[in-house]
Amino acid sequence: MVQLKYLQAYPAALQDKVRELIARGRLGEHLAQRYPDRHEVQSDKALYAYVASLKQQHLRNAPAIDKVRYDAKLDVVQRALGLHTAISRVQGGRLKAKKEIRVASLFKAAAPQFLQMIVVHELAHLKELDHNKAFYQLCTYMLPDYHQLEFDLRVYLTWRELPSTTAANRRQ
């Protein structure tokens, strides 16, 4: 039986469907049908503009974001696909906090919906630090199908780690 580490919290029936797709060798094909496109947000500058646009659209009163970038050091082994940080520094007599969002580099080659889901997740942390009910309500406010995309992203991560998935196929 295939271990589905990204899907452990989901019902057994959903896990069984994913296992069936894996057994038939059709999981990658299934994902490619659901998410055929790739986004064009490839540089840190483009990512900053993308994040700023979503923030402006949904969270105008949230704190400003000082830096946004892709980070090759973030990956699923560290259990981080995105990261938000607030770095506080003393400048003169004031304490200044800089907000930063980092997105794992693996999302450069992902479907636009997956990038949007990660960005929405990190933006929601500007208002809600914990993964609580209010946090997920904010995520679904910004992205109504957030929960489906989170599940599909977990399926995508499962597919990426399959032994039969080659590096060339991961970029599909």
N, C-alpha and C. Protein backbone atom coordinates (compact mmCIF):
# COMPACT_ATOMS: atom_id res chain seq x y z
N MET A 1 0.84 -1.18 0.00
CA MET A 1 0.00 0.00 0.00
C MET A 1 0.89 1.25 0.00
N VAL A 2 0.58 2.21 -0.86
CA VAL A 2 1.35 3.44 -1.00
C VAL A 2 1.07 4.35 0.19
N GLN A 3 2.14 4.85 0.81
CA GLN A 3 2.01 5.80 1.92
C GLN A 3 1.73 7.19 1.35
N LEU A 4 0.65 7.81 1.79
CA LEU A 4 0.26 9.13 1.29
C LEU A 4 0.47 10.17 2.39
N LYS A 5 1.72 10.56 2.60
CA LYS A 5 2.03 11.43 3.74
C LYS A 5 1.36 12.80 3.66
N TYR A 6 1.08 13.29 2.48
CA TYR A 6 0.44 14.60 2.36
C TYR A 6 -1.08 14.53 2.50
N LEU A 7 -1.62 13.33 2.50
CA LEU A 7 -3.07 13.17 2.51
C LEU A 7 -3.57 12.43 3.75
N GLN A 8 -2.75 12.29 4.76
CA GLN A 8 -3.10 11.50 5.93
C GLN A 8 -4.34 12.02 6.66
N ALA A 9 -4.59 13.31 6.64
CA ALA A 9 -5.72 13.87 7.37
C ALA A 9 -7.04 13.75 6.60
N TYR A 10 -6.99 13.27 5.38
CA TYR A 10 -8.19 13.18 4.55
C TYR A 10 -8.86 11.81 4.73
N PRO A 11 -10.15 11.74 4.42
CA PRO A 11 -10.89 10.48 4.59
C PRO A 11 -10.27 9.33 3.78
N ALA A 12 -10.44 8.13 4.30
CA ALA A 12 -9.88 6.93 3.66
C ALA A 12 -10.39 6.76 2.23
N ALA A 13 -11.64 7.13 1.98
CA ALA A 13 -12.19 6.98 0.62
C ALA A 13 -11.43 7.84 -0.39
N LEU A 14 -11.07 9.06 0.00
CA LEU A 14 -10.29 9.92 -0.90
C LEU A 14 -8.88 9.36 -1.11
N GLN A 15 -8.29 8.89 -0.04
CA GLN A 15 -6.96 8.30 -0.15
C GLN A 15 -6.99 7.08 -1.06
N ASP A 16 -8.04 6.28 -0.95
CA ASP A 16 -8.16 5.10 -1.81
C ASP A 16 -8.27 5.47 -3.29
N LYS A 17 -8.98 6.56 -3.58
CA LYS A 17 -9.09 7.02 -4.98
C LYS A 17 -7.71 7.42 -5.52
N VAL A 18 -6.93 8.10 -4.69
CA VAL A 18 -5.59 8.49 -5.11
C VAL A 18 -4.71 7.26 -5.29
N ARG A 19 -4.80 6.32 -4.37
CA ARG A 19 -4.03 5.07 -4.50
C ARG A 19 -4.39 4.32 -5.78
N GLU A 20 -5.67 4.33 -6.12
CA GLU A 20 -6.12 3.66 -7.33
C GLU A 20 -5.50 4.31 -8.57
N LEU A 21 -5.50 5.64 -8.60
CA LEU A 21 -4.88 6.36 -9.72
C LEU A 21 -3.38 6.05 -9.80
N ILE A 22 -2.73 5.95 -8.65
CA ILE A 22 -1.30 5.62 -8.63
C ILE A 22 -1.09 4.21 -9.17
N ALA A 23 -1.90 3.27 -8.70
CA ALA A 23 -1.76 1.87 -9.12
C ALA A 23 -1.96 1.72 -10.63
N ARG A 24 -2.86 2.51 -11.19
CA ARG A 24 -3.11 2.44 -12.63
C ARG A 24 -2.12 3.29 -13.43
N GLY A 25 -1.24 4.03 -12.73
CA GLY A 25 -0.27 4.88 -13.40
C GLY A 25 -0.90 6.09 -14.06
N ARG A 26 -2.00 6.57 -13.50
CA ARG A 26 -2.75 7.66 -14.13
C ARG A 26 -2.82 8.94 -13.31
N LEU A 27 -2.10 9.01 -12.20
CA LEU A 27 -2.19 10.19 -11.35
C LEU A 27 -1.67 11.44 -12.06
N GLY A 28 -0.53 11.33 -12.73
CA GLY A 28 0.02 12.47 -13.47
C GLY A 28 -0.90 12.92 -14.58
N GLU A 29 -1.49 11.97 -15.27
CA GLU A 29 -2.44 12.28 -16.34
C GLU A 29 -3.68 12.99 -15.77
N HIS A 30 -4.17 12.51 -14.64
CA HIS A 30 -5.32 13.13 -13.97
C HIS A 30 -5.03 14.59 -13.62
N LEU A 31 -3.86 14.82 -13.04
CA LEU A 31 -3.48 16.19 -12.67
C LEU A 31 -3.31 17.07 -13.91
N ALA A 32 -2.72 16.53 -14.96
CA ALA A 32 -2.52 17.30 -16.20
C ALA A 32 -3.85 17.68 -16.84
N GLN A 33 -4.86 16.83 -16.71
CA GLN A 33 -6.19 17.16 -17.25
C GLN A 33 -6.84 18.26 -16.42
N ARG A 34 -6.71 18.18 -15.11
CA ARG A 34 -7.32 19.19 -14.22
C ARG A 34 -6.59 20.53 -14.28
N TYR A 35 -5.28 20.48 -14.42
CA TYR A 35 -4.45 21.69 -14.36
C TYR A 35 -3.46 21.69 -15.54
N PRO A 36 -3.95 21.96 -16.74
CA PRO A 36 -3.08 21.86 -17.93
C PRO A 36 -2.14 23.06 -18.11
N ASP A 37 -2.45 24.18 -17.50
CA ASP A 37 -1.68 25.40 -17.74
C ASP A 37 -0.54 25.57 -16.75
N ARG A 38 0.44 26.38 -17.13
CA ARG A 38 1.54 26.79 -16.26
C ARG A 38 1.56 28.31 -16.24
N HIS A 39 1.85 28.86 -15.09
CA HIS A 39 1.85 30.32 -14.97
C HIS A 39 3.13 30.91 -15.53
N GLU A 40 3.13 32.22 -15.69
CA GLU A 40 4.29 32.91 -16.24
C GLU A 40 5.01 33.76 -15.20
N VAL A 41 4.70 33.57 -13.93
CA VAL A 41 5.32 34.32 -12.85
C VAL A 41 6.64 33.62 -12.50
N GLN A 42 7.71 33.99 -13.19
CA GLN A 42 8.97 33.26 -13.07
C GLN A 42 10.05 34.00 -12.28
N SER A 43 9.96 35.31 -12.20
CA SER A 43 11.00 36.06 -11.50
C SER A 43 10.48 36.54 -10.14
N ASP A 44 11.40 36.93 -9.28
CA ASP A 44 11.01 37.47 -7.98
C ASP A 44 10.23 38.77 -8.15
N LYS A 45 10.61 39.55 -9.13
CA LYS A 45 9.93 40.83 -9.40
C LYS A 45 8.48 40.57 -9.82
N ALA A 46 8.28 39.60 -10.71
CA ALA A 46 6.92 39.25 -11.16
C ALA A 46 6.11 38.65 -10.00
N LEU A 47 6.78 37.86 -9.16
CA LEU A 47 6.09 37.29 -8.00
C LEU A 47 5.65 38.38 -7.04
N TYR A 48 6.51 39.37 -6.81
CA TYR A 48 6.14 40.49 -5.93
C TYR A 48 4.91 41.21 -6.48
N ALA A 49 4.91 41.48 -7.77
CA ALA A 49 3.77 42.16 -8.40
C ALA A 49 2.50 41.32 -8.28
N TYR A 50 2.62 40.02 -8.45
CA TYR A 50 1.48 39.11 -8.34
C TYR A 50 0.91 39.12 -6.92
N VAL A 51 1.79 39.02 -5.93
CA VAL A 51 1.37 39.02 -4.53
C VAL A 51 0.76 40.37 -4.16
N ALA A 52 1.38 41.45 -4.59
CA ALA A 52 0.87 42.79 -4.29
C ALA A 52 -0.52 42.99 -4.89
N SER A 53 -0.72 42.46 -6.08
CA SER A 53 -2.02 42.57 -6.73
C SER A 53 -3.10 41.83 -5.94
N LEU A 54 -2.81 40.61 -5.52
CA LEU A 54 -3.78 39.85 -4.72
C LEU A 54 -4.03 40.53 -3.37
N LYS A 55 -2.98 41.05 -2.77
CA LYS A 55 -3.13 41.76 -1.49
C LYS A 55 -4.01 42.98 -1.66
N GLN A 56 -3.77 43.75 -2.69
CA GLN A 56 -4.56 44.95 -2.95
C GLN A 56 -6.02 44.60 -3.21
N GLN A 57 -6.25 43.51 -3.88
CA GLN A 57 -7.61 43.09 -4.21
C GLN A 57 -8.38 42.62 -2.99
N HIS A 58 -7.73 41.95 -2.05
CA HIS A 58 -8.44 41.32 -0.95
C HIS A 58 -8.11 41.84 0.45
N LEU A 59 -6.90 42.35 0.65
CA LEU A 59 -6.46 42.73 1.99
C LEU A 59 -5.84 44.12 2.02
N ARG A 60 -6.59 45.10 1.61
CA ARG A 60 -6.04 46.46 1.53
C ARG A 60 -5.52 46.98 2.86
N ASN A 61 -6.16 46.61 3.96
CA ASN A 61 -5.77 47.15 5.27
C ASN A 61 -4.71 46.31 5.97
N ALA A 62 -4.26 45.26 5.36
CA ALA A 62 -3.21 44.43 5.96
C ALA A 62 -1.87 45.16 5.86
N PRO A 63 -0.93 44.80 6.72
CA PRO A 63 0.39 45.45 6.67
C PRO A 63 1.04 45.30 5.29
N ALA A 64 1.85 46.26 4.94
CA ALA A 64 2.56 46.23 3.65
C ALA A 64 3.56 45.08 3.64
N ILE A 65 3.82 44.59 2.45
CA ILE A 65 4.80 43.52 2.27
C ILE A 65 6.06 44.14 1.69
N ASP A 66 7.18 43.91 2.36
CA ASP A 66 8.43 44.53 1.94
C ASP A 66 9.20 43.70 0.92
N LYS A 67 9.05 42.38 0.97
CA LYS A 67 9.84 41.54 0.09
C LYS A 67 9.07 40.26 -0.23
N VAL A 68 9.13 39.84 -1.49
CA VAL A 68 8.53 38.58 -1.92
C VAL A 68 9.52 37.94 -2.88
N ARG A 69 9.76 36.63 -2.67
CA ARG A 69 10.69 35.97 -3.58
C ARG A 69 10.49 34.47 -3.57
N TYR A 70 10.97 33.84 -4.63
CA TYR A 70 11.05 32.39 -4.69
C TYR A 70 12.25 31.97 -3.85
N ASP A 71 12.14 30.84 -3.19
CA ASP A 71 13.21 30.37 -2.34
C ASP A 71 13.49 28.90 -2.64
N ALA A 72 14.67 28.62 -3.16
CA ALA A 72 15.03 27.25 -3.50
C ALA A 72 15.27 26.40 -2.26
N LYS A 73 15.50 27.03 -1.11
CA LYS A 73 15.75 26.29 0.12
C LYS A 73 14.47 25.78 0.77
N LEU A 74 13.35 26.39 0.43
CA LEU A 74 12.07 25.90 0.95
C LEU A 74 11.67 24.70 0.14
N ASP A 75 11.34 23.64 0.78
CA ASP A 75 10.78 22.52 0.05
C ASP A 75 9.94 21.68 0.99
N VAL A 76 9.31 20.70 0.43
CA VAL A 76 8.35 19.92 1.17
C VAL A 76 8.98 19.08 2.27
N VAL A 77 10.29 18.81 2.17
CA VAL A 77 10.95 18.06 3.23
C VAL A 77 10.92 18.87 4.53
N GLN A 78 11.07 20.17 4.40
CA GLN A 78 11.02 21.04 5.57
C GLN A 78 9.58 21.39 5.94
N ARG A 79 8.64 20.79 5.23
CA ARG A 79 7.22 21.02 5.44
C ARG A 79 6.85 22.50 5.25
N ALA A 80 7.51 23.13 4.31
CA ALA A 80 7.22 24.53 4.03
C ALA A 80 7.15 24.73 2.53
N LEU A 81 6.00 25.16 2.05
CA LEU A 81 5.82 25.47 0.64
C LEU A 81 5.86 26.98 0.43
N GLY A 82 5.56 27.67 1.49
CA GLY A 82 5.61 29.12 1.52
C GLY A 82 5.95 29.52 2.94
N LEU A 83 6.40 30.75 3.09
CA LEU A 83 6.81 31.19 4.40
C LEU A 83 6.54 32.68 4.51
N HIS A 84 5.99 33.08 5.63
CA HIS A 84 5.83 34.51 5.89
C HIS A 84 6.65 34.83 7.12
N THR A 85 7.36 35.93 7.10
CA THR A 85 8.16 36.32 8.25
C THR A 85 7.98 37.81 8.50
N ALA A 86 8.17 38.18 9.74
CA ALA A 86 8.19 39.59 10.13
C ALA A 86 9.50 39.79 10.88
N ILE A 87 10.38 40.54 10.31
CA ILE A 87 11.69 40.79 10.91
C ILE A 87 11.64 42.17 11.55
N SER A 88 11.88 42.22 12.84
CA SER A 88 11.84 43.49 13.57
C SER A 88 13.25 44.02 13.76
N ARG A 89 13.42 45.30 13.47
CA ARG A 89 14.71 45.95 13.64
C ARG A 89 14.50 47.29 14.31
N VAL A 90 15.47 47.69 15.10
CA VAL A 90 15.43 49.01 15.72
C VAL A 90 16.07 49.99 14.77
N GLN A 91 15.33 51.03 14.43
CA GLN A 91 15.86 52.10 13.58
C GLN A 91 15.66 53.41 14.33
N GLY A 92 16.76 53.93 14.85
CA GLY A 92 16.65 55.11 15.68
C GLY A 92 15.96 54.72 16.99
N GLY A 93 14.90 55.42 17.32
CA GLY A 93 14.14 55.11 18.52
C GLY A 93 12.90 54.29 18.23
N ARG A 94 12.78 53.79 17.01
CA ARG A 94 11.58 53.04 16.61
C ARG A 94 11.89 51.59 16.30
N LEU A 95 10.88 50.78 16.49
CA LEU A 95 10.96 49.39 16.12
C LEU A 95 10.22 49.23 14.80
N LYS A 96 10.93 48.76 13.80
CA LYS A 96 10.33 48.63 12.47
C LYS A 96 10.26 47.15 12.10
N ALA A 97 9.08 46.71 11.65
CA ALA A 97 8.89 45.31 11.23
C ALA A 97 8.78 45.26 9.71
N LYS A 98 9.54 44.37 9.13
CA LYS A 98 9.48 44.16 7.69
C LYS A 98 8.81 42.82 7.44
N LYS A 99 7.79 42.83 6.60
CA LYS A 99 7.06 41.60 6.25
C LYS A 99 7.65 41.02 4.98
N GLU A 100 7.82 39.71 5.00
CA GLU A 100 8.43 39.03 3.86
C GLU A 100 7.66 37.75 3.58
N ILE A 101 7.47 37.46 2.29
CA ILE A 101 6.84 36.21 1.87
C ILE A 101 7.80 35.50 0.94
N ARG A 102 8.01 34.21 1.21
CA ARG A 102 8.84 33.37 0.34
C ARG A 102 7.97 32.21 -0.14
N VAL A 103 8.17 31.86 -1.39
CA VAL A 103 7.42 30.77 -2.01
C VAL A 103 8.44 29.75 -2.52
N ALA A 104 8.19 28.49 -2.25
CA ALA A 104 9.11 27.44 -2.70
C ALA A 104 9.28 27.49 -4.21
N SER A 105 10.50 27.32 -4.66
CA SER A 105 10.82 27.41 -6.09
C SER A 105 10.11 26.37 -6.93
N LEU A 106 9.67 25.28 -6.33
CA LEU A 106 8.97 24.26 -7.12
C LEU A 106 7.69 24.81 -7.75
N PHE A 107 7.18 25.93 -7.24
CA PHE A 107 5.97 26.52 -7.81
C PHE A 107 6.22 27.33 -9.07
N LYS A 108 7.48 27.49 -9.46
CA LYS A 108 7.76 28.13 -10.75
C LYS A 108 7.22 27.30 -11.90
N ALA A 109 7.17 25.98 -11.71
CA ALA A 109 6.73 25.08 -12.78
C ALA A 109 5.36 24.47 -12.49
N ALA A 110 4.61 25.08 -11.60
CA ALA A 110 3.31 24.52 -11.20
C ALA A 110 2.17 25.24 -11.92
N ALA A 111 1.00 24.68 -11.72
CA ALA A 111 -0.22 25.29 -12.27
C ALA A 111 -0.47 26.64 -11.59
N PRO A 112 -1.05 27.59 -12.31
CA PRO A 112 -1.30 28.91 -11.71
C PRO A 112 -2.20 28.82 -10.47
N GLN A 113 -3.11 27.86 -10.44
CA GLN A 113 -4.00 27.72 -9.29
C GLN A 113 -3.22 27.34 -8.03
N PHE A 114 -2.17 26.53 -8.19
CA PHE A 114 -1.37 26.13 -7.03
C PHE A 114 -0.56 27.31 -6.49
N LEU A 115 0.00 28.11 -7.40
CA LEU A 115 0.72 29.31 -6.96
C LEU A 115 -0.24 30.25 -6.24
N GLN A 116 -1.42 30.44 -6.80
CA GLN A 116 -2.40 31.32 -6.17
C GLN A 116 -2.80 30.81 -4.79
N MET A 117 -2.97 29.51 -4.64
CA MET A 117 -3.35 28.95 -3.35
C MET A 117 -2.26 29.20 -2.30
N ILE A 118 -1.00 29.01 -2.67
CA ILE A 118 0.11 29.25 -1.74
C ILE A 118 0.18 30.72 -1.37
N VAL A 119 0.04 31.60 -2.33
CA VAL A 119 0.10 33.04 -2.06
C VAL A 119 -1.06 33.47 -1.17
N VAL A 120 -2.25 32.98 -1.45
CA VAL A 120 -3.41 33.30 -0.61
C VAL A 120 -3.17 32.82 0.82
N HIS A 121 -2.62 31.64 0.95
CA HIS A 121 -2.32 31.08 2.28
C HIS A 121 -1.36 32.00 3.04
N GLU A 122 -0.30 32.43 2.37
CA GLU A 122 0.69 33.29 3.04
C GLU A 122 0.12 34.69 3.30
N LEU A 123 -0.69 35.21 2.40
CA LEU A 123 -1.32 36.51 2.65
C LEU A 123 -2.27 36.45 3.85
N ALA A 124 -2.98 35.35 3.99
CA ALA A 124 -3.91 35.21 5.12
C ALA A 124 -3.16 35.29 6.45
N HIS A 125 -1.90 34.88 6.45
CA HIS A 125 -1.10 34.98 7.68
C HIS A 125 -0.81 36.42 8.08
N LEU A 126 -0.99 37.37 7.18
CA LEU A 126 -0.82 38.77 7.55
C LEU A 126 -1.88 39.20 8.57
N LYS A 127 -3.05 38.60 8.47
CA LYS A 127 -4.16 38.93 9.39
C LYS A 127 -4.32 37.89 10.50
N GLU A 128 -4.14 36.62 10.18
CA GLU A 128 -4.33 35.53 11.15
C GLU A 128 -3.05 34.69 11.19
N LEU A 129 -2.39 34.69 12.33
CA LEU A 129 -1.13 33.96 12.42
C LEU A 129 -1.33 32.45 12.51
N ASP A 130 -2.36 32.00 13.20
CA ASP A 130 -2.59 30.58 13.41
C ASP A 130 -3.50 29.99 12.33
N HIS A 131 -3.38 28.69 12.15
CA HIS A 131 -4.27 27.98 11.24
C HIS A 131 -5.55 27.63 11.99
N ASN A 132 -6.38 28.63 12.17
CA ASN A 132 -7.64 28.43 12.88
C ASN A 132 -8.81 28.68 11.94
N LYS A 133 -10.01 28.66 12.49
CA LYS A 133 -11.21 28.81 11.66
C LYS A 133 -11.20 30.16 10.92
N ALA A 134 -10.83 31.22 11.61
CA ALA A 134 -10.79 32.55 10.98
C ALA A 134 -9.78 32.58 9.83
N PHE A 135 -8.66 31.90 10.00
CA PHE A 135 -7.64 31.83 8.96
C PHE A 135 -8.21 31.20 7.70
N TYR A 136 -8.85 30.04 7.84
CA TYR A 136 -9.38 29.35 6.67
C TYR A 136 -10.59 30.08 6.07
N GLN A 137 -11.34 30.80 6.87
CA GLN A 137 -12.42 31.63 6.33
C GLN A 137 -11.84 32.75 5.47
N LEU A 138 -10.74 33.32 5.91
CA LEU A 138 -10.08 34.36 5.13
C LEU A 138 -9.53 33.79 3.82
N CYS A 139 -8.96 32.59 3.89
CA CYS A 139 -8.46 31.93 2.67
C CYS A 139 -9.59 31.71 1.67
N THR A 140 -10.74 31.23 2.14
CA THR A 140 -11.85 30.97 1.22
C THR A 140 -12.52 32.27 0.76
N TYR A 141 -12.38 33.33 1.53
CA TYR A 141 -12.86 34.64 1.06
C TYR A 141 -12.03 35.08 -0.15
N MET A 142 -10.72 34.90 -0.05
CA MET A 142 -9.83 35.32 -1.14
C MET A 142 -9.86 34.35 -2.32
N LEU A 143 -10.10 33.06 -2.03
CA LEU A 143 -10.06 32.02 -3.05
C LEU A 143 -11.15 31.00 -2.71
N PRO A 144 -12.35 31.16 -3.27
CA PRO A 144 -13.48 30.32 -2.87
C PRO A 144 -13.23 28.81 -2.94
N ASP A 145 -12.43 28.33 -3.88
CA ASP A 145 -12.17 26.89 -3.95
C ASP A 145 -10.83 26.53 -3.29
N TYR A 146 -10.46 27.28 -2.27
CA TYR A 146 -9.20 27.09 -1.56
C TYR A 146 -9.01 25.65 -1.08
N HIS A 147 -10.02 25.07 -0.44
CA HIS A 147 -9.88 23.74 0.13
C HIS A 147 -9.67 22.67 -0.95
N GLN A 148 -10.36 22.80 -2.08
CA GLN A 148 -10.15 21.84 -3.18
C GLN A 148 -8.74 21.98 -3.74
N LEU A 149 -8.29 23.22 -3.89
CA LEU A 149 -6.93 23.44 -4.41
C LEU A 149 -5.87 22.93 -3.43
N GLU A 150 -6.12 23.08 -2.15
CA GLU A 150 -5.17 22.55 -1.17
C GLU A 150 -5.08 21.03 -1.28
N PHE A 151 -6.22 20.37 -1.42
CA PHE A 151 -6.22 18.92 -1.60
C PHE A 151 -5.49 18.54 -2.87
N ASP A 152 -5.82 19.20 -3.98
CA ASP A 152 -5.18 18.88 -5.26
C ASP A 152 -3.68 19.16 -5.22
N LEU A 153 -3.27 20.19 -4.50
CA LEU A 153 -1.85 20.46 -4.35
C LEU A 153 -1.18 19.32 -3.58
N ARG A 154 -1.83 18.80 -2.58
CA ARG A 154 -1.29 17.68 -1.83
C ARG A 154 -1.18 16.43 -2.73
N VAL A 155 -2.15 16.26 -3.61
CA VAL A 155 -2.08 15.15 -4.57
C VAL A 155 -0.91 15.37 -5.53
N TYR A 156 -0.72 16.61 -5.97
CA TYR A 156 0.40 16.95 -6.85
C TYR A 156 1.74 16.65 -6.16
N LEU A 157 1.86 17.01 -4.89
CA LEU A 157 3.10 16.74 -4.15
C LEU A 157 3.32 15.24 -4.01
N THR A 158 2.24 14.50 -3.82
CA THR A 158 2.32 13.04 -3.76
C THR A 158 2.85 12.49 -5.08
N TRP A 159 2.29 12.99 -6.18
CA TRP A 159 2.71 12.55 -7.51
C TRP A 159 4.19 12.85 -7.75
N ARG A 160 4.63 14.04 -7.33
CA ARG A 160 6.03 14.43 -7.53
C ARG A 160 7.00 13.48 -6.83
N GLU A 161 6.58 12.88 -5.74
CA GLU A 161 7.47 12.01 -4.97
C GLU A 161 7.38 10.54 -5.37
N LEU A 162 6.51 10.21 -6.30
CA LEU A 162 6.42 8.82 -6.73
C LEU A 162 7.72 8.40 -7.40
N PRO A 163 8.20 7.19 -7.12
CA PRO A 163 9.46 6.75 -7.72
C PRO A 163 9.42 6.74 -9.24
N SER A 164 8.26 6.52 -9.82
CA SER A 164 8.16 6.44 -11.27
C SER A 164 8.08 7.81 -11.94
N THR A 165 7.99 8.87 -11.14
CA THR A 165 7.89 10.22 -11.69
C THR A 165 9.28 10.76 -11.94
N THR A 166 9.62 10.99 -13.19
CA THR A 166 10.93 11.51 -13.55
C THR A 166 10.95 13.02 -13.42
N ALA A 167 12.14 13.58 -13.39
CA ALA A 167 12.28 15.04 -13.29
C ALA A 167 11.59 15.75 -14.45
N ALA A 168 11.65 15.17 -15.64
CA ALA A 168 11.00 15.80 -16.80
C ALA A 168 9.49 15.82 -16.62
N ASN A 169 8.93 14.75 -16.08
CA ASN A 169 7.49 14.69 -15.88
C ASN A 169 7.02 15.67 -14.82
N ARG A 170 7.86 15.97 -13.84
CA ARG A 170 7.47 16.88 -12.75
C ARG A 170 7.20 18.28 -13.28
N ARG A 171 7.81 18.62 -14.38
CA ARG A 171 7.62 19.98 -14.91
C ARG A 171 6.35 20.07 -15.78
N GLN A 172 5.67 18.97 -15.97
CA GLN A 172 4.45 18.99 -16.80
C GLN A 172 3.35 19.71 -16.08
